[in-house]
Protein backbone atom coordinates (compact mmCIF):
# COMPACT_ATOMS: atom_id res chain seq x y z
CA UNK A 1 0.00 0.00 0.00
CA UNK A 2 2.81 2.41 0.88
CA UNK A 3 4.55 1.72 -2.42
CA UNK A 4 1.40 2.48 -4.41
CA UNK A 5 0.86 5.75 -2.55
CA UNK A 6 4.53 6.74 -2.98
CA UNK A 7 4.46 5.98 -6.72
CA UNK A 8 1.27 8.03 -7.08
CA UNK A 9 2.84 10.95 -5.21
CA UNK A 10 6.01 10.53 -7.29
CA UNK A 11 4.13 10.71 -10.58
CA UNK A 12 2.21 13.78 -9.45
CA UNK A 13 5.30 15.60 -8.22
CA UNK A 14 7.77 14.49 -10.92
CA UNK A 15 7.57 17.70 -13.00
CA UNK A 16 8.17 19.86 -9.92
CA UNK A 17 11.01 17.59 -8.72
CA UNK A 18 12.63 17.71 -12.14
CA UNK A 19 12.43 21.51 -12.28
CA UNK A 20 13.89 21.83 -8.78
CA UNK A 21 16.78 19.43 -9.43
CA UNK A 22 17.58 20.47 -13.02
CA UNK A 23 20.35 22.91 -11.92
CA UNK A 24 22.25 19.90 -10.50
CA UNK A 25 22.98 18.70 -14.03
CA UNK A 26 23.89 15.01 -14.12
CA UNK A 27 22.91 14.59 -10.47
CA UNK A 28 19.30 15.64 -11.15
CA UNK A 29 18.13 12.12 -12.06
CA UNK A 30 19.87 10.73 -8.97
CA UNK A 31 18.19 13.33 -6.76
CA UNK A 32 14.75 12.56 -8.22
CA UNK A 33 15.35 8.83 -7.67
CA UNK A 34 16.52 9.44 -4.10
CA UNK A 35 13.49 11.61 -3.38
CA UNK A 36 11.06 8.99 -4.72
CA UNK A 37 12.75 6.20 -2.74
CA UNK A 38 12.76 8.33 0.42
CA UNK A 39 9.07 9.14 -0.09
CA UNK A 40 8.30 5.44 -0.55
CA UNK A 41 10.13 4.51 2.65
CA UNK A 42 8.48 7.29 4.63
CA UNK A 43 4.96 6.45 3.41
CA UNK A 44 5.57 2.71 3.93
CA UNK A 45 6.68 3.35 7.51
CA UNK A 46 3.75 5.66 8.18
CA UNK A 47 1.26 3.10 6.83
CA UNK A 48 2.89 0.31 8.88
CA UNK A 49 2.74 2.34 12.10
CA UNK A 50 -0.84 3.46 11.45
CA UNK A 51 -1.88 -0.11 10.68
CA UNK A 52 -0.20 -1.32 13.86
CA UNK A 53 -2.04 1.24 15.94
CA UNK A 54 -5.37 0.40 14.32
CA UNK A 55 -4.98 -3.36 14.75
CA UNK A 56 -3.46 -3.04 18.22
CA UNK A 57 -0.17 -4.75 17.31
CA UNK A 58 1.90 -1.84 18.55
């Protein structure tokens, strides 16, 4: 679930991310990739914690 949400957010924010990282030149694609992976990890962790609280596992 977190991966799907992160990919959706990544697709929506890709043009803005590209414009913000374009001055970095060759590093711009690496920065966009890092940002999408970081977003995926953050959303995945948030969904896991929220699910744990809802189900009472945490």
